[in-house]
Amino acid sequence: MRRRAGESITIGEGIEIEVLEVSGTRVKLGIVAPDSVVIMRKETRITRDENLSAARSVEPRLISSLLRKLSR
């Protein structure tokens, strides 16, 4: 699907994605969605998921110990 600046697409009843600007290889998008819909860049989600996974692998006692040391 091709869209130009000022054109948009809709997803379902409540989500609209508008092409705001196209410049070279960059595209700026505007997204209108209900508050219940989380909008996040994919690379940000991947980094968050990796951080959560790494945090789960650390023993809770170690985290408590580190936090106590930081608070001194």
C-alpha atoms as a PDB file:
ATOM      1  CA  MET A   1       0.000   0.000   0.000  1.00  0.00           C
ATOM      2  CA  ARG A   2       1.399   3.392  -0.930  1.00  0.00           C
ATOM      3  CA  ARG A   3       0.481   6.587   0.837  1.00  0.00           C
ATOM      4  CA  ARG A   4       1.618  10.161   0.371  1.00  0.00           C
ATOM      5  CA  ALA A   5       1.938  12.916   2.958  1.00  0.00           C
ATOM      6  CA  GLY A   6      -1.530  13.867   4.177  1.00  0.00           C
ATOM      7  CA  GLU A   7      -3.010  10.454   3.373  1.00  0.00           C
ATOM      8  CA  SER A   8      -3.910   7.885   6.004  1.00  0.00           C
ATOM      9  CA  ILE A   9      -5.062   4.346   6.632  1.00  0.00           C
ATOM     10  CA  THR A  10      -7.382   3.023   9.310  1.00  0.00           C
ATOM     11  CA  ILE A  11      -7.109  -0.182  11.304  1.00  0.00           C
ATOM     12  CA  GLY A  12     -10.404  -1.369  12.706  1.00  0.00           C
ATOM     13  CA  GLU A  13     -12.706   1.303  14.049  1.00  0.00           C
ATOM     14  CA  GLY A  14     -10.396   3.226  16.354  1.00  0.00           C
ATOM     15  CA  ILE A  15      -6.906   3.441  14.875  1.00  0.00           C
ATOM     16  CA  GLU A  16      -5.766   5.850  12.181  1.00  0.00           C
ATOM     17  CA  ILE A  17      -2.227   6.165  10.837  1.00  0.00           C
ATOM     18  CA  GLU A  18      -1.448   9.276   8.824  1.00  0.00           C
ATOM     19  CA  VAL A  19       1.662   9.963   6.774  1.00  0.00           C
ATOM     20  CA  LEU A  20       2.740  13.393   8.004  1.00  0.00           C
ATOM     21  CA  GLU A  21       5.938  13.865   6.028  1.00  0.00           C
ATOM     22  CA  VAL A  22       8.144  11.987   3.581  1.00  0.00           C
ATOM     23  CA  SER A  23      11.731  13.149   3.212  1.00  0.00           C
ATOM     24  CA  GLY A  24      14.301  10.998   1.408  1.00  0.00           C
ATOM     25  CA  THR A  25      14.319   7.665   3.216  1.00  0.00           C
ATOM     26  CA  ARG A  26      12.507   9.009   6.300  1.00  0.00           C
ATOM     27  CA  VAL A  27       8.787   8.936   6.972  1.00  0.00           C
ATOM     28  CA  LYS A  28       6.981  10.683   9.840  1.00  0.00           C
ATOM     29  CA  LEU A  29       3.758   9.044  10.956  1.00  0.00           C
ATOM     30  CA  GLY A  30       0.948  10.324  13.123  1.00  0.00           C
ATOM     31  CA  ILE A  31      -1.099   7.747  15.032  1.00  0.00           C
ATOM     32  CA  VAL A  32      -4.525   8.259  16.565  1.00  0.00           C
ATOM     33  CA  ALA A  33      -5.679   5.378  18.762  1.00  0.00           C
ATOM     34  CA  PRO A  34      -7.674   4.745  21.928  1.00  0.00           C
ATOM     35  CA  ASP A  35      -5.788   5.164  25.221  1.00  0.00           C
ATOM     36  CA  SER A  36      -6.033   1.404  25.756  1.00  0.00           C
ATOM     37  CA  VAL A  37      -3.773   0.764  22.735  1.00  0.00           C
ATOM     38  CA  VAL A  38      -0.045   0.806  23.498  1.00  0.00           C
ATOM     39  CA  ILE A  39       1.988   2.377  20.695  1.00  0.00           C
ATOM     40  CA  MET A  40       5.700   1.595  20.802  1.00  0.00           C
ATOM     41  CA  ARG A  41       8.525   1.364  18.293  1.00  0.00           C
ATOM     42  CA  LYS A  42       9.513  -2.248  17.655  1.00  0.00           C
ATOM     43  CA  GLU A  43      13.161  -1.742  18.618  1.00  0.00           C
ATOM     44  CA  THR A  44      12.054  -0.188  21.919  1.00  0.00           C
ATOM     45  CA  ARG A  45       9.810  -3.190  22.644  1.00  0.00           C
ATOM     46  CA  ILE A  46      12.652  -5.618  21.853  1.00  0.00           C
ATOM     47  CA  THR A  47      15.038  -3.777  24.188  1.00  0.00           C
ATOM     48  CA  ARG A  48      12.404  -3.703  26.954  1.00  0.00           C
ATOM     49  CA  ASP A  49      11.735  -7.435  26.579  1.00  0.00           C
ATOM     50  CA  GLU A  50      15.475  -8.222  26.679  1.00  0.00           C
ATOM     51  CA  ASN A  51      15.909  -6.103  29.821  1.00  0.00           C
ATOM     52  CA  LEU A  52      12.972  -7.792  31.550  1.00  0.00           C
ATOM     53  CA  SER A  53      14.319 -11.221  30.648  1.00  0.00           C
ATOM     54  CA  ALA A  54      17.772 -10.360  32.005  1.00  0.00           C
ATOM     55  CA  ALA A  55      16.273  -8.948  35.210  1.00  0.00           C
ATOM     56  CA  ARG A  56      14.268 -12.145  35.781  1.00  0.00           C
ATOM     57  CA  SER A  57      17.437 -14.238  35.608  1.00  0.00           C
ATOM     58  CA  VAL A  58      19.046 -12.359  38.541  1.00  0.00           C
ATOM     59  CA  GLU A  59      18.390 -13.753  42.009  1.00  0.00           C
ATOM     60  CA  PRO A  60      16.170 -11.484  44.149  1.00  0.00           C
ATOM     61  CA  ARG A  61      18.716 -11.635  47.035  1.00  0.00           C
ATOM     62  CA  LEU A  62      21.394 -10.208  44.749  1.00  0.00           C
ATOM     63  CA  ILE A  63      19.117  -7.354  43.702  1.00  0.00           C
ATOM     64  CA  SER A  64      18.278  -6.570  47.348  1.00  0.00           C
ATOM     65  CA  SER A  65      21.967  -6.576  48.231  1.00  0.00           C
ATOM     66  CA  LEU A  66      22.821  -4.226  45.355  1.00  0.00           C
ATOM     67  CA  LEU A  67      19.986  -1.849  46.251  1.00  0.00           C
ATOM     68  CA  ARG A  68      21.165  -1.705  49.882  1.00  0.00           C
ATOM     69  CA  LYS A  69      24.693  -0.861  48.734  1.00  0.00           C
ATOM     70  CA  LEU A  70      23.391   1.914  46.453  1.00  0.00           C
ATOM     71  CA  SER A  71      21.297   3.479  49.201  1.00  0.00           C
ATOM     72  CA  ARG A  72      24.298   3.908  51.558  1.00  0.00           C
END
